[in-house]
Amino acid sequence: FREVSDLCTSILDGYNVCIFAYGQTGSGKTHTMEGNKNDRGVNYRALEKIFDDISKNTQNGAWEYEISVSLLEIYNEEIRDLLCLDDRKPYQRLINLKLKKGEHGMYVPGLTVLPVTSHEEVTQLMKLGHKNRAVACTDMNEHSSRSHSMLST
């Protein structure tokens, strides 16, 4: 985490930042990003640092932040909204989600974006997203998701 912690400061300075893990199936990408209860991964540590820094920066009233979260998955070339909260529309997360290029970069129109105020809220949304992910085993790893997820904060 030491190697990416300065990126958290860059986020609060207004820069777009991407922390990306790549590698062969079974190489530890998910563990690096998510970790476990006793050894939290980069995602959790980065979010904790961001919200700690926000708390410090807003104590004197000089700064104000608005934080929102989206979580998507790319599975079999389809973009899925992992935070679709409407239980009456379980397939909503699959309907017409396409990547578009906008004035400020890439985005997915119609993707659920939720406001958050704490690290704990983001953690709960990540748990919901994890529950909604597609999982299919591979020859290399029976617990592999065969999908790619992206948390945007």
Protein backbone atom coordinates (compact mmCIF):
# COMPACT_ATOMS: atom_id res chain seq x y z
CA PHE A 1 0.00 0.00 0.00
CA ARG A 2 2.91 2.35 0.62
CA GLU A 3 3.54 2.40 -3.13
CA VAL A 4 0.07 3.76 -3.94
CA SER A 5 -0.80 5.81 -0.84
CA ASP A 6 0.37 9.08 -2.43
CA LEU A 7 -2.25 8.54 -5.13
CA CYS A 8 -4.93 9.09 -2.46
CA THR A 9 -3.60 12.61 -1.94
CA SER A 10 -3.65 13.17 -5.70
CA ILE A 11 -7.34 12.20 -5.77
CA LEU A 12 -8.16 14.85 -3.20
CA ASP A 13 -6.09 17.35 -5.19
CA GLY A 14 -8.48 16.79 -8.09
CA TYR A 15 -6.53 14.35 -10.25
CA ASN A 16 -8.05 11.27 -11.85
CA VAL A 17 -6.26 8.20 -10.50
CA CYS A 18 -6.44 4.53 -11.46
CA ILE A 19 -5.10 1.73 -9.30
CA PHE A 20 -5.06 -1.33 -11.52
CA ALA A 21 -4.04 -4.93 -10.83
CA TYR A 22 -3.27 -7.29 -13.68
CA GLY A 23 -1.76 -10.72 -14.09
CA GLN A 24 -2.39 -14.36 -14.79
CA THR A 25 -5.36 -16.17 -13.25
CA GLY A 26 -4.47 -17.17 -9.70
CA SER A 27 -1.62 -14.65 -9.38
CA GLY A 28 -3.24 -12.73 -6.51
CA LYS A 29 -4.93 -9.74 -8.17
CA THR A 30 -8.13 -10.05 -6.16
CA HIS A 31 -6.23 -10.63 -2.92
CA THR A 32 -4.04 -7.59 -3.60
CA MET A 33 -7.03 -5.34 -4.22
CA GLU A 34 -9.51 -6.79 -1.70
CA GLY A 35 -7.42 -8.71 0.84
CA ASN A 36 -9.22 -10.43 3.70
CA LYS A 37 -10.53 -9.51 7.17
CA ASN A 38 -7.08 -9.66 8.75
CA ASP A 39 -5.11 -8.12 5.87
CA ARG A 40 -7.16 -5.53 3.99
CA GLY A 41 -6.32 -4.99 0.34
CA VAL A 42 -5.35 -1.86 -1.54
CA ASN A 43 -8.97 -0.83 -2.28
CA TYR A 44 -9.96 -0.78 1.39
CA ARG A 45 -6.78 0.89 2.58
CA ALA A 46 -6.96 3.57 -0.11
CA LEU A 47 -10.59 4.34 0.70
CA GLU A 48 -9.81 4.50 4.40
CA LYS A 49 -6.96 6.95 3.75
CA ILE A 50 -9.12 9.10 1.45
CA PHE A 51 -11.87 9.44 4.05
CA ASP A 52 -9.34 10.03 6.86
CA ASP A 53 -7.74 12.80 4.79
CA ILE A 54 -11.18 14.27 3.96
CA SER A 55 -11.98 14.35 7.67
CA LYS A 56 -8.74 16.24 8.39
CA ASN A 57 -9.24 18.66 5.48
CA THR A 58 -12.83 19.53 6.36
CA GLN A 59 -12.36 20.13 10.10
CA ASN A 60 -11.54 23.80 9.62
CA GLY A 61 -14.27 24.33 7.00
CA ALA A 62 -11.81 25.32 4.28
CA TRP A 63 -12.61 22.31 2.08
CA GLU A 64 -15.78 20.57 1.03
CA TYR A 65 -15.96 17.24 -0.82
CA GLU A 66 -18.72 15.33 -2.57
CA ILE A 67 -17.95 11.64 -2.96
CA SER A 68 -19.91 9.15 -5.07
CA VAL A 69 -19.37 5.52 -5.96
CA SER A 70 -20.16 3.29 -8.91
CA LEU A 71 -19.22 -0.35 -9.35
CA LEU A 72 -19.32 -2.20 -12.63
CA GLU A 73 -18.24 -5.55 -13.95
CA ILE A 74 -17.19 -6.58 -17.42
CA TYR A 75 -18.23 -10.19 -17.96
CA ASN A 76 -18.34 -11.89 -21.37
CA GLU A 77 -17.92 -8.49 -23.07
CA GLU A 78 -20.99 -7.07 -21.29
CA ILE A 79 -20.96 -4.23 -18.79
CA ARG A 80 -22.97 -5.00 -15.66
CA ASP A 81 -24.08 -2.51 -13.02
CA LEU A 82 -23.22 -4.16 -9.69
CA LEU A 83 -25.03 -1.53 -7.60
CA CYS A 84 -28.48 -1.74 -9.20
CA LEU A 85 -30.58 -1.63 -6.02
CA ASP A 86 -34.05 -2.21 -7.50
CA ASP A 87 -34.93 -5.81 -6.57
CA ARG A 88 -37.92 -5.63 -8.90
CA LYS A 89 -35.52 -5.28 -11.84
CA PRO A 90 -32.80 -7.89 -11.27
CA TYR A 91 -31.74 -7.74 -14.91
CA GLN A 92 -31.55 -3.93 -15.00
CA ARG A 93 -27.83 -4.22 -14.47
CA LEU A 94 -27.53 -5.82 -17.91
CA ILE A 95 -29.70 -3.50 -20.01
CA ASN A 96 -27.97 -1.35 -22.64
CA LEU A 97 -24.89 -0.43 -20.63
CA LYS A 98 -22.25 0.79 -23.06
CA LEU A 99 -18.96 2.58 -22.64
CA LYS A 100 -18.99 6.12 -24.05
CA LYS A 101 -16.38 8.83 -24.45
CA GLY A 102 -17.35 12.15 -22.93
CA GLU A 103 -15.83 15.56 -22.40
CA HIS A 104 -14.03 14.43 -19.22
CA GLY A 105 -13.14 10.88 -20.25
CA MET A 106 -14.87 7.52 -20.47
CA TYR A 107 -18.21 6.86 -18.76
CA VAL A 108 -21.16 4.45 -18.76
CA PRO A 109 -24.54 6.19 -19.19
CA GLY A 110 -27.19 4.77 -16.87
CA LEU A 111 -24.69 3.28 -14.41
CA THR A 112 -25.81 3.59 -10.80
CA VAL A 113 -23.84 6.30 -9.00
CA LEU A 114 -24.50 6.63 -5.27
CA PRO A 115 -23.39 9.43 -2.93
CA VAL A 116 -21.35 8.30 0.09
CA THR A 117 -20.04 10.04 3.20
CA SER A 118 -17.87 7.39 4.82
CA HIS A 119 -15.48 4.53 4.24
CA GLU A 120 -18.04 2.20 5.84
CA GLU A 121 -20.71 3.14 3.29
CA VAL A 122 -18.32 2.32 0.44
CA THR A 123 -17.44 -0.98 2.10
CA GLN A 124 -21.13 -1.93 2.29
CA LEU A 125 -21.59 -1.07 -1.40
CA MET A 126 -18.52 -3.14 -2.28
CA LYS A 127 -20.08 -6.09 -0.43
CA LEU A 128 -23.31 -5.64 -2.42
CA GLY A 129 -21.33 -5.46 -5.65
CA HIS A 130 -19.35 -8.57 -4.75
CA LYS A 131 -22.61 -10.44 -4.15
CA ASN A 132 -23.85 -9.37 -7.60
CA ARG A 133 -20.72 -10.44 -9.51
CA ALA A 134 -20.74 -13.30 -11.99
CA VAL A 135 -18.58 -16.29 -11.03
CA ALA A 136 -17.48 -19.10 -13.31
CA CYS A 137 -14.53 -21.36 -12.67
CA THR A 138 -11.50 -21.59 -14.92
CA ASP A 139 -9.03 -24.42 -15.39
CA MET A 140 -6.51 -22.45 -13.30
CA ASN A 141 -8.71 -21.37 -10.39
CA GLU A 142 -12.09 -22.74 -9.34
CA HIS A 143 -12.96 -19.48 -7.56
CA SER A 144 -12.06 -17.18 -10.46
CA SER A 145 -14.78 -14.77 -11.49
CA ARG A 146 -13.72 -14.59 -15.16
CA SER A 147 -14.81 -11.01 -14.91
CA HIS A 148 -13.23 -7.65 -14.27
CA SER A 149 -14.68 -5.21 -11.78
CA MET A 150 -14.11 -1.48 -11.54
CA LEU A 151 -14.85 0.59 -8.46
CA SER A 152 -15.06 4.32 -9.20
CA THR A 153 -14.98 6.78 -6.32
